[in-house]
Amino acid sequence: MNQEPLMDVTQIMDMLPHRQPFLLLDKVFELTDHHVVGMKNVTMNEEFFKGHFPGAPVMPGVLIVEAMAQTGGILVLSTVPDPENYLTFS
């Protein structure tokens, strides 16, 4: 994950409709016709850590699944010539 990303958050926002605080993908490192590798930077400042769970912070599973869905959206949109004309929801 120390390599230069293929896509940064600005490029990701050009493809996905999601915005903060619901954009859960910060970088894409690998992208082929069949797979994608992305990353979400999570810090202790994330709002959900206040209640999930105090003293034992865990990123909620539903947000992990949403991050994976957004990463998959990048994979799907990379297969069309005009991704800006598609609106993906996850």
PDB file of N, CA and C in Angstrom:
ATOM      1  N   MET A   1       0.803  -1.204   0.000  1.00  0.00           N
ATOM      2  CA  MET A   1       0.000   0.000   0.000  1.00  0.00           C
ATOM      3  C   MET A   1       0.847   1.271   0.000  1.00  0.00           C
ATOM      4  N   ASN A   2       2.164   1.122  -0.078  1.00  0.00           N
ATOM      5  CA  ASN A   2       3.042   2.285  -0.148  1.00  0.00           C
ATOM      6  C   ASN A   2       3.266   2.761  -1.575  1.00  0.00           C
ATOM      7  N   GLN A   3       2.706   2.041  -2.546  1.00  0.00           N
ATOM      8  CA  GLN A   3       2.891   2.424  -3.946  1.00  0.00           C
ATOM      9  C   GLN A   3       1.988   3.603  -4.301  1.00  0.00           C
ATOM     10  N   GLU A   4       2.295   4.243  -5.387  1.00  0.00           N
ATOM     11  CA  GLU A   4       1.488   5.343  -5.899  1.00  0.00           C
ATOM     12  C   GLU A   4       0.134   4.790  -6.352  1.00  0.00           C
ATOM     13  N   PRO A   5      -0.985   5.377  -5.919  1.00  0.00           N
ATOM     14  CA  PRO A   5      -2.293   4.849  -6.328  1.00  0.00           C
ATOM     15  C   PRO A   5      -2.594   5.142  -7.791  1.00  0.00           C
ATOM     16  N   LEU A   6      -3.400   4.268  -8.381  1.00  0.00           N
ATOM     17  CA  LEU A   6      -3.890   4.509  -9.741  1.00  0.00           C
ATOM     18  C   LEU A   6      -4.932   5.621  -9.743  1.00  0.00           C
ATOM     19  N   MET A   7      -5.706   5.673  -8.654  1.00  0.00           N
ATOM     20  CA  MET A   7      -6.748   6.693  -8.513  1.00  0.00           C
ATOM     21  C   MET A   7      -6.680   7.264  -7.108  1.00  0.00           C
ATOM     22  N   ASP A   8      -6.779   8.592  -7.013  1.00  0.00           N
ATOM     23  CA  ASP A   8      -6.880   9.225  -5.702  1.00  0.00           C
ATOM     24  C   ASP A   8      -8.348   9.582  -5.455  1.00  0.00           C
ATOM     25  N   VAL A   9      -8.627  10.201  -4.333  1.00  0.00           N
ATOM     26  CA  VAL A   9     -10.014  10.465  -3.965  1.00  0.00           C
ATOM     27  C   VAL A   9     -10.711  11.394  -4.964  1.00  0.00           C
ATOM     28  N   THR A  10      -9.993  12.316  -5.557  1.00  0.00           N
ATOM     29  CA  THR A  10     -10.600  13.219  -6.542  1.00  0.00           C
ATOM     30  C   THR A  10     -11.042  12.442  -7.778  1.00  0.00           C
ATOM     31  N   GLN A  11     -10.205  11.536  -8.249  1.00  0.00           N
ATOM     32  CA  GLN A  11     -10.565  10.713  -9.403  1.00  0.00           C
ATOM     33  C   GLN A  11     -11.709   9.762  -9.064  1.00  0.00           C
ATOM     34  N   ILE A  12     -11.722   9.258  -7.846  1.00  0.00           N
ATOM     35  CA  ILE A  12     -12.809   8.386  -7.410  1.00  0.00           C
ATOM     36  C   ILE A  12     -14.127   9.160  -7.410  1.00  0.00           C
ATOM     37  N   MET A  13     -14.103  10.399  -6.911  1.00  0.00           N
ATOM     38  CA  MET A  13     -15.329  11.206  -6.884  1.00  0.00           C
ATOM     39  C   MET A  13     -15.799  11.585  -8.285  1.00  0.00           C
ATOM     40  N   ASP A  14     -14.892  11.552  -9.268  1.00  0.00           N
ATOM     41  CA  ASP A  14     -15.312  11.778 -10.650  1.00  0.00           C
ATOM     42  C   ASP A  14     -16.162  10.618 -11.164  1.00  0.00           C
ATOM     43  N   MET A  15     -15.998   9.428 -10.566  1.00  0.00           N
ATOM     44  CA  MET A  15     -16.737   8.244 -11.011  1.00  0.00           C
ATOM     45  C   MET A  15     -17.938   7.913 -10.131  1.00  0.00           C
ATOM     46  N   LEU A  16     -17.792   8.102  -8.829  1.00  0.00           N
ATOM     47  CA  LEU A  16     -18.850   7.723  -7.889  1.00  0.00           C
ATOM     48  C   LEU A  16     -19.625   8.950  -7.413  1.00  0.00           C
ATOM     49  N   PRO A  17     -20.923   8.799  -7.125  1.00  0.00           N
ATOM     50  CA  PRO A  17     -21.706   9.934  -6.632  1.00  0.00           C
ATOM     51  C   PRO A  17     -21.516  10.199  -5.140  1.00  0.00           C
ATOM     52  N   HIS A  18     -20.897   9.302  -4.419  1.00  0.00           N
ATOM     53  CA  HIS A  18     -20.765   9.409  -2.969  1.00  0.00           C
ATOM     54  C   HIS A  18     -19.857  10.568  -2.571  1.00  0.00           C
ATOM     55  N   ARG A  19     -20.193  11.209  -1.459  1.00  0.00           N
ATOM     56  CA  ARG A  19     -19.390  12.288  -0.897  1.00  0.00           C
ATOM     57  C   ARG A  19     -19.289  12.070   0.608  1.00  0.00           C
ATOM     58  N   GLN A  20     -18.367  12.792   1.239  1.00  0.00           N
ATOM     59  CA  GLN A  20     -18.198  12.678   2.685  1.00  0.00           C
ATOM     60  C   GLN A  20     -19.510  13.026   3.384  1.00  0.00           C
ATOM     61  N   PRO A  21     -19.890  12.328   4.424  1.00  0.00           N
ATOM     62  CA  PRO A  21     -19.121  11.304   5.120  1.00  0.00           C
ATOM     63  C   PRO A  21     -19.348   9.887   4.592  1.00  0.00           C
ATOM     64  N   PHE A  22     -20.045   9.755   3.464  1.00  0.00           N
ATOM     65  CA  PHE A  22     -20.374   8.422   2.969  1.00  0.00           C
ATOM     66  C   PHE A  22     -19.490   7.924   1.843  1.00  0.00           C
ATOM     67  N   LEU A  23     -18.491   8.682   1.458  1.00  0.00           N
ATOM     68  CA  LEU A  23     -17.500   8.167   0.527  1.00  0.00           C
ATOM     69  C   LEU A  23     -16.509   7.350   1.344  1.00  0.00           C
ATOM     70  N   LEU A  24     -16.483   6.050   1.119  1.00  0.00           N
ATOM     71  CA  LEU A  24     -15.679   5.147   1.937  1.00  0.00           C
ATOM     72  C   LEU A  24     -14.563   4.495   1.138  1.00  0.00           C
ATOM     73  N   LEU A  25     -14.033   5.224   0.187  1.00  0.00           N
ATOM     74  CA  LEU A  25     -12.917   4.761  -0.633  1.00  0.00           C
ATOM     75  C   LEU A  25     -12.005   5.954  -0.881  1.00  0.00           C
ATOM     76  N   ASP A  26     -10.740   5.803  -0.512  1.00  0.00           N
ATOM     77  CA  ASP A  26      -9.787   6.904  -0.648  1.00  0.00           C
ATOM     78  C   ASP A  26      -8.809   6.731  -1.798  1.00  0.00           C
ATOM     79  N   LYS A  27      -8.437   5.478  -2.085  1.00  0.00           N
ATOM     80  CA  LYS A  27      -7.440   5.218  -3.132  1.00  0.00           C
ATOM     81  C   LYS A  27      -7.743   3.894  -3.810  1.00  0.00           C
ATOM     82  N   VAL A  28      -7.367   3.810  -5.074  1.00  0.00           N
ATOM     83  CA  VAL A  28      -7.410   2.545  -5.821  1.00  0.00           C
ATOM     84  C   VAL A  28      -5.979   2.248  -6.254  1.00  0.00           C
ATOM     85  N   PHE A  29      -5.520   1.036  -5.914  1.00  0.00           N
ATOM     86  CA  PHE A  29      -4.138   0.646  -6.210  1.00  0.00           C
ATOM     87  C   PHE A  29      -4.019  -0.301  -7.396  1.00  0.00           C
ATOM     88  N   GLU A  30      -5.017  -1.150  -7.587  1.00  0.00           N
ATOM     89  CA  GLU A  30      -5.009  -2.089  -8.711  1.00  0.00           C
ATOM     90  C   GLU A  30      -6.377  -2.074  -9.357  1.00  0.00           C
ATOM     91  N   LEU A  31      -6.402  -2.148 -10.684  1.00  0.00           N
ATOM     92  CA  LEU A  31      -7.654  -2.167 -11.422  1.00  0.00           C
ATOM     93  C   LEU A  31      -7.434  -2.898 -12.736  1.00  0.00           C
ATOM     94  N   THR A  32      -8.100  -4.036 -12.886  1.00  0.00           N
ATOM     95  CA  THR A  32      -8.080  -4.785 -14.139  1.00  0.00           C
ATOM     96  C   THR A  32      -9.524  -5.024 -14.549  1.00  0.00           C
ATOM     97  N   ASP A  33      -9.714  -5.819 -15.589  1.00  0.00           N
ATOM     98  CA  ASP A  33     -11.071  -6.164 -16.009  1.00  0.00           C
ATOM     99  C   ASP A  33     -11.782  -7.051 -15.005  1.00  0.00           C
ATOM    100  N   HIS A  34     -11.011  -7.689 -14.110  1.00  0.00           N
ATOM    101  CA  HIS A  34     -11.596  -8.691 -13.214  1.00  0.00           C
ATOM    102  C   HIS A  34     -11.416  -8.420 -11.731  1.00  0.00           C
ATOM    103  N   HIS A  35     -10.565  -7.473 -11.357  1.00  0.00           N
ATOM    104  CA  HIS A  35     -10.421  -7.195  -9.929  1.00  0.00           C
ATOM    105  C   HIS A  35      -9.986  -5.756  -9.686  1.00  0.00           C
ATOM    106  N   VAL A  36     -10.225  -5.349  -8.443  1.00  0.00           N
ATOM    107  CA  VAL A  36      -9.865  -4.001  -8.012  1.00  0.00           C
ATOM    108  C   VAL A  36      -9.377  -4.095  -6.566  1.00  0.00           C
ATOM    109  N   VAL A  37      -8.383  -3.275  -6.251  1.00  0.00           N
ATOM    110  CA  VAL A  37      -7.880  -3.184  -4.884  1.00  0.00           C
ATOM    111  C   VAL A  37      -7.940  -1.720  -4.484  1.00  0.00           C
ATOM    112  N   GLY A  38      -8.701  -1.445  -3.432  1.00  0.00           N
ATOM    113  CA  GLY A  38      -8.849  -0.084  -2.953  1.00  0.00           C
ATOM    114  C   GLY A  38      -8.549   0.006  -1.471  1.00  0.00           C
ATOM    115  N   MET A  39      -8.538   1.242  -0.957  1.00  0.00           N
ATOM    116  CA  MET A  39      -8.230   1.451   0.454  1.00  0.00           C
ATOM    117  C   MET A  39      -9.055   2.610   1.002  1.00  0.00           C
ATOM    118  N   LYS A  40      -9.513   2.429   2.217  1.00  0.00           N
ATOM    119  CA  LYS A  40     -10.152   3.495   2.991  1.00  0.00           C
ATOM    120  C   LYS A  40      -9.254   3.767   4.187  1.00  0.00           C
ATOM    121  N   ASN A  41      -8.790   4.996   4.339  1.00  0.00           N
ATOM    122  CA  ASN A  41      -8.015   5.384   5.523  1.00  0.00           C
ATOM    123  C   ASN A  41      -8.988   5.589   6.676  1.00  0.00           C
ATOM    124  N   VAL A  42      -8.817   4.832   7.736  1.00  0.00           N
ATOM    125  CA  VAL A  42      -9.682   4.947   8.907  1.00  0.00           C
ATOM    126  C   VAL A  42      -8.831   5.446  10.070  1.00  0.00           C
ATOM    127  N   THR A  43      -9.291   6.505  10.718  1.00  0.00           N
ATOM    128  CA  THR A  43      -8.580   7.042  11.881  1.00  0.00           C
ATOM    129  C   THR A  43      -9.516   7.031  13.088  1.00  0.00           C
ATOM    130  N   MET A  44      -8.944   7.245  14.232  1.00  0.00           N
ATOM    131  CA  MET A  44      -9.748   7.276  15.457  1.00  0.00           C
ATOM    132  C   MET A  44     -10.696   8.472  15.497  1.00  0.00           C
ATOM    133  N   ASN A  45     -10.559   9.406  14.577  1.00  0.00           N
ATOM    134  CA  ASN A  45     -11.447  10.568  14.528  1.00  0.00           C
ATOM    135  C   ASN A  45     -12.788  10.265  13.874  1.00  0.00           C
ATOM    136  N   GLU A  46     -12.951   9.078  13.301  1.00  0.00           N
ATOM    137  CA  GLU A  46     -14.204   8.731  12.635  1.00  0.00           C
ATOM    138  C   GLU A  46     -15.349   8.785  13.648  1.00  0.00           C
ATOM    139  N   GLU A  47     -16.427   9.410  13.255  1.00  0.00           N
ATOM    140  CA  GLU A  47     -17.576   9.624  14.136  1.00  0.00           C
ATOM    141  C   GLU A  47     -18.164   8.313  14.679  1.00  0.00           C
ATOM    142  N   PHE A  48     -18.176   7.264  13.867  1.00  0.00           N
ATOM    143  CA  PHE A  48     -18.811   6.019  14.308  1.00  0.00           C
ATOM    144  C   PHE A  48     -18.080   5.341  15.452  1.00  0.00           C
ATOM    145  N   PHE A  49     -16.799   5.670  15.660  1.00  0.00           N
ATOM    146  CA  PHE A  49     -16.064   5.051  16.761  1.00  0.00           C
ATOM    147  C   PHE A  49     -16.570   5.504  18.135  1.00  0.00           C
ATOM    148  N   LYS A  50     -17.260   6.637  18.197  1.00  0.00           N
ATOM    149  CA  LYS A  50     -17.775   7.129  19.475  1.00  0.00           C
ATOM    150  C   LYS A  50     -18.769   6.148  20.094  1.00  0.00           C
ATOM    151  N   GLY A  51     -19.519   5.458  19.269  1.00  0.00           N
ATOM    152  CA  GLY A  51     -20.527   4.554  19.808  1.00  0.00           C
ATOM    153  C   GLY A  51     -20.357   3.112  19.399  1.00  0.00           C
ATOM    154  N   HIS A  52     -19.320   2.809  18.652  1.00  0.00           N
ATOM    155  CA  HIS A  52     -19.153   1.448  18.119  1.00  0.00           C
ATOM    156  C   HIS A  52     -17.723   0.991  18.277  1.00  0.00           C
ATOM    157  N   PHE A  53     -17.266   0.591  19.275  1.00  0.00           N
ATOM    158  CA  PHE A  53     -17.764   0.521  20.633  1.00  0.00           C
ATOM    159  C   PHE A  53     -16.770   1.256  21.511  1.00  0.00           C
ATOM    160  N   PRO A  54     -17.220   2.113  22.430  1.00  0.00           N
ATOM    161  CA  PRO A  54     -16.285   2.851  23.289  1.00  0.00           C
ATOM    162  C   PRO A  54     -15.361   1.878  24.029  1.00  0.00           C
ATOM    163  N   GLY A  55     -14.079   2.155  23.963  1.00  0.00           N
ATOM    164  CA  GLY A  55     -13.093   1.298  24.613  1.00  0.00           C
ATOM    165  C   GLY A  55     -12.625   0.147  23.746  1.00  0.00           C
ATOM    166  N   ALA A  56     -13.376  -0.186  22.731  1.00  0.00           N
ATOM    167  CA  ALA A  56     -12.997  -1.256  21.799  1.00  0.00           C
ATOM    168  C   ALA A  56     -13.508  -0.872  20.410  1.00  0.00           C
ATOM    169  N   PRO A  57     -12.908   0.164  19.795  1.00  0.00           N
ATOM    170  CA  PRO A  57     -13.442   0.681  18.527  1.00  0.00           C
ATOM    171  C   PRO A  57     -13.380  -0.328  17.383  1.00  0.00           C
ATOM    172  N   VAL A  58     -14.507  -0.461  16.703  1.00  0.00           N
ATOM    173  CA  VAL A  58     -14.641  -1.365  15.560  1.00  0.00           C
ATOM    174  C   VAL A  58     -15.410  -0.629  14.465  1.00  0.00           C
ATOM    175  N   MET A  59     -14.900  -0.673  13.248  1.00  0.00           N
ATOM    176  CA  MET A  59     -15.655  -0.098  12.125  1.00  0.00           C
ATOM    177  C   MET A  59     -16.874  -0.971  11.900  1.00  0.00           C
ATOM    178  N   PRO A  60     -18.078  -0.385  11.877  1.00  0.00           N
ATOM    179  CA  PRO A  60     -19.287  -1.180  11.696  1.00  0.00           C
ATOM    180  C   PRO A  60     -19.246  -1.990  10.396  1.00  0.00           C
ATOM    181  N   GLY A  61     -19.682  -3.237  10.506  1.00  0.00           N
ATOM    182  CA  GLY A  61     -19.661  -4.135   9.352  1.00  0.00           C
ATOM    183  C   GLY A  61     -20.395  -3.584   8.150  1.00  0.00           C
ATOM    184  N   VAL A  62     -21.500  -2.907   8.371  1.00  0.00           N
ATOM    185  CA  VAL A  62     -22.259  -2.357   7.248  1.00  0.00           C
ATOM    186  C   VAL A  62     -21.438  -1.317   6.490  1.00  0.00           C
ATOM    187  N   LEU A  63     -20.565  -0.582   7.198  1.00  0.00           N
ATOM    188  CA  LEU A  63     -19.697   0.394   6.521  1.00  0.00           C
ATOM    189  C   LEU A  63     -18.561  -0.303   5.776  1.00  0.00           C
ATOM    190  N   ILE A  64     -18.096  -1.414   6.313  1.00  0.00           N
ATOM    191  CA  ILE A  64     -17.085  -2.199   5.602  1.00  0.00           C
ATOM    192  C   ILE A  64     -17.670  -2.737   4.299  1.00  0.00           C
ATOM    193  N   VAL A  65     -18.898  -3.252   4.368  1.00  0.00           N
ATOM    194  CA  VAL A  65     -19.558  -3.766   3.161  1.00  0.00           C
ATOM    195  C   VAL A  65     -19.794  -2.625   2.166  1.00  0.00           C
ATOM    196  N   GLU A  66     -20.191  -1.456   2.662  1.00  0.00           N
ATOM    197  CA  GLU A  66     -20.388  -0.302   1.781  1.00  0.00           C
ATOM    198  C   GLU A  66     -19.083   0.100   1.103  1.00  0.00           C
ATOM    199  N   ALA A  67     -17.969   0.076   1.825  1.00  0.00           N
ATOM    200  CA  ALA A  67     -16.670   0.391   1.237  1.00  0.00           C
ATOM    201  C   ALA A  67     -16.341  -0.603   0.120  1.00  0.00           C
ATOM    202  N   MET A  68     -16.641  -1.880   0.359  1.00  0.00           N
ATOM    203  CA  MET A  68     -16.396  -2.886  -0.685  1.00  0.00           C
ATOM    204  C   MET A  68     -17.306  -2.652  -1.882  1.00  0.00           C
ATOM    205  N   ALA A  69     -18.567  -2.259  -1.641  1.00  0.00           N
ATOM    206  CA  ALA A  69     -19.490  -1.994  -2.742  1.00  0.00           C
ATOM    207  C   ALA A  69     -19.016  -0.806  -3.579  1.00  0.00           C
ATOM    208  N   GLN A  70     -18.519   0.234  -2.931  1.00  0.00           N
ATOM    209  CA  GLN A  70     -18.009   1.384  -3.671  1.00  0.00           C
ATOM    210  C   GLN A  70     -16.784   1.005  -4.492  1.00  0.00           C
ATOM    211  N   THR A  71     -15.927   0.178  -3.926  1.00  0.00           N
ATOM    212  CA  THR A  71     -14.756  -0.295  -4.661  1.00  0.00           C
ATOM    213  C   THR A  71     -15.191  -1.113  -5.871  1.00  0.00           C
ATOM    214  N   GLY A  72     -16.205  -1.955  -5.675  1.00  0.00           N
ATOM    215  CA  GLY A  72     -16.761  -2.718  -6.794  1.00  0.00           C
ATOM    216  C   GLY A  72     -17.382  -1.810  -7.840  1.00  0.00           C
ATOM    217  N   GLY A  73     -17.966  -0.697  -7.400  1.00  0.00           N
ATOM    218  CA  GLY A  73     -18.523   0.273  -8.352  1.00  0.00           C
ATOM    219  C   GLY A  73     -17.462   0.829  -9.275  1.00  0.00           C
ATOM    220  N   ILE A  74     -16.271   1.068  -8.739  1.00  0.00           N
ATOM    221  CA  ILE A  74     -15.153   1.516  -9.581  1.00  0.00           C
ATOM    222  C   ILE A  74     -14.821   0.453 -10.624  1.00  0.00           C
ATOM    223  N   LEU A  75     -14.810  -0.811 -10.209  1.00  0.00           N
ATOM    224  CA  LEU A  75     -14.537  -1.903 -11.140  1.00  0.00           C
ATOM    225  C   LEU A  75     -15.567  -1.931 -12.260  1.00  0.00           C
ATOM    226  N   VAL A  76     -16.842  -1.865 -11.903  1.00  0.00           N
ATOM    227  CA  VAL A  76     -17.910  -1.915 -12.905  1.00  0.00           C
ATOM    228  C   VAL A  76     -17.844  -0.709 -13.832  1.00  0.00           C
ATOM    229  N   LEU A  77     -17.704   0.476 -13.262  1.00  0.00           N
ATOM    230  CA  LEU A  77     -17.683   1.687 -14.089  1.00  0.00           C
ATOM    231  C   LEU A  77     -16.449   1.774 -14.982  1.00  0.00           C
ATOM    232  N   SER A  78     -15.389   1.076 -14.605  1.00  0.00           N
ATOM    233  CA  SER A  78     -14.188   1.095 -15.444  1.00  0.00           C
ATOM    234  C   SER A  78     -14.369   0.281 -16.716  1.00  0.00           C
ATOM    235  N   THR A  79     -15.462  -0.459 -16.828  1.00  0.00           N
ATOM    236  CA  THR A  79     -15.705  -1.295 -18.015  1.00  0.00           C
ATOM    237  C   THR A  79     -16.520  -0.575 -19.090  1.00  0.00           C
ATOM    238  N   VAL A  80     -16.989   0.636 -18.791  1.00  0.00           N
ATOM    239  CA  VAL A  80     -17.786   1.380 -19.768  1.00  0.00           C
ATOM    240  C   VAL A  80     -16.994   2.586 -20.261  1.00  0.00           C
ATOM    241  N   PRO A  81     -17.228   2.999 -21.504  1.00  0.00           N
ATOM    242  CA  PRO A  81     -16.437   4.108 -22.050  1.00  0.00           C
ATOM    243  C   PRO A  81     -16.806   5.477 -21.475  1.00  0.00           C
ATOM    244  N   ASP A  82     -18.002   5.593 -20.869  1.00  0.00           N
ATOM    245  CA  ASP A  82     -18.477   6.890 -20.384  1.00  0.00           C
ATOM    246  C   ASP A  82     -19.037   6.779 -18.960  1.00  0.00           C
ATOM    247  N   PRO A  83     -18.193   6.473 -17.982  1.00  0.00           N
ATOM    248  CA  PRO A  83     -18.688   6.249 -16.622  1.00  0.00           C
ATOM    249  C   PRO A  83     -19.401   7.457 -16.018  1.00  0.00           C
ATOM    250  N   GLU A  84     -19.092   8.643 -16.494  1.00  0.00           N
ATOM    251  CA  GLU A  84     -19.742   9.841 -15.971  1.00  0.00           C
ATOM    252  C   GLU A  84     -21.243   9.882 -16.280  1.00  0.00           C
ATOM    253  N   ASN A  85     -21.681   9.054 -17.220  1.00  0.00           N
ATOM    254  CA  ASN A  85     -23.100   8.994 -17.590  1.00  0.00           C
ATOM    255  C   ASN A  85     -23.886   7.942 -16.823  1.00  0.00           C
ATOM    256  N   TYR A  86     -23.246   7.293 -15.857  1.00  0.00           N
ATOM    257  CA  TYR A  86     -23.897   6.272 -15.045  1.00  0.00           C
ATOM    258  C   TYR A  86     -23.928   6.740 -13.593  1.00  0.00           C
ATOM    259  N   LEU A  87     -25.033   6.457 -12.933  1.00  0.00           N
ATOM    260  CA  LEU A  87     -25.172   6.799 -11.526  1.00  0.00           C
ATOM    261  C   LEU A  87     -25.259   5.498 -10.744  1.00  0.00           C
ATOM    262  N   THR A  88     -24.226   5.189  -9.980  1.00  0.00           N
ATOM    263  CA  THR A  88     -24.206   3.953  -9.216  1.00  0.00           C
ATOM    264  C   THR A  88     -24.635   4.227  -7.782  1.00  0.00           C
ATOM    265  N   PHE A  89     -25.416   3.338  -7.251  1.00  0.00           N
ATOM    266  CA  PHE A  89     -25.823   3.404  -5.852  1.00  0.00           C
ATOM    267  C   PHE A  89     -25.383   2.135  -5.172  1.00  0.00           C
ATOM    268  N   SER A  90     -24.891   2.267  -3.953  1.00  0.00           N
ATOM    269  CA  SER A  90     -24.538   1.081  -3.178  1.00  0.00           C
ATOM    270  C   SER A  90     -25.063   1.237  -1.785  1.00  0.00           C
TER     271      SER A  90
END
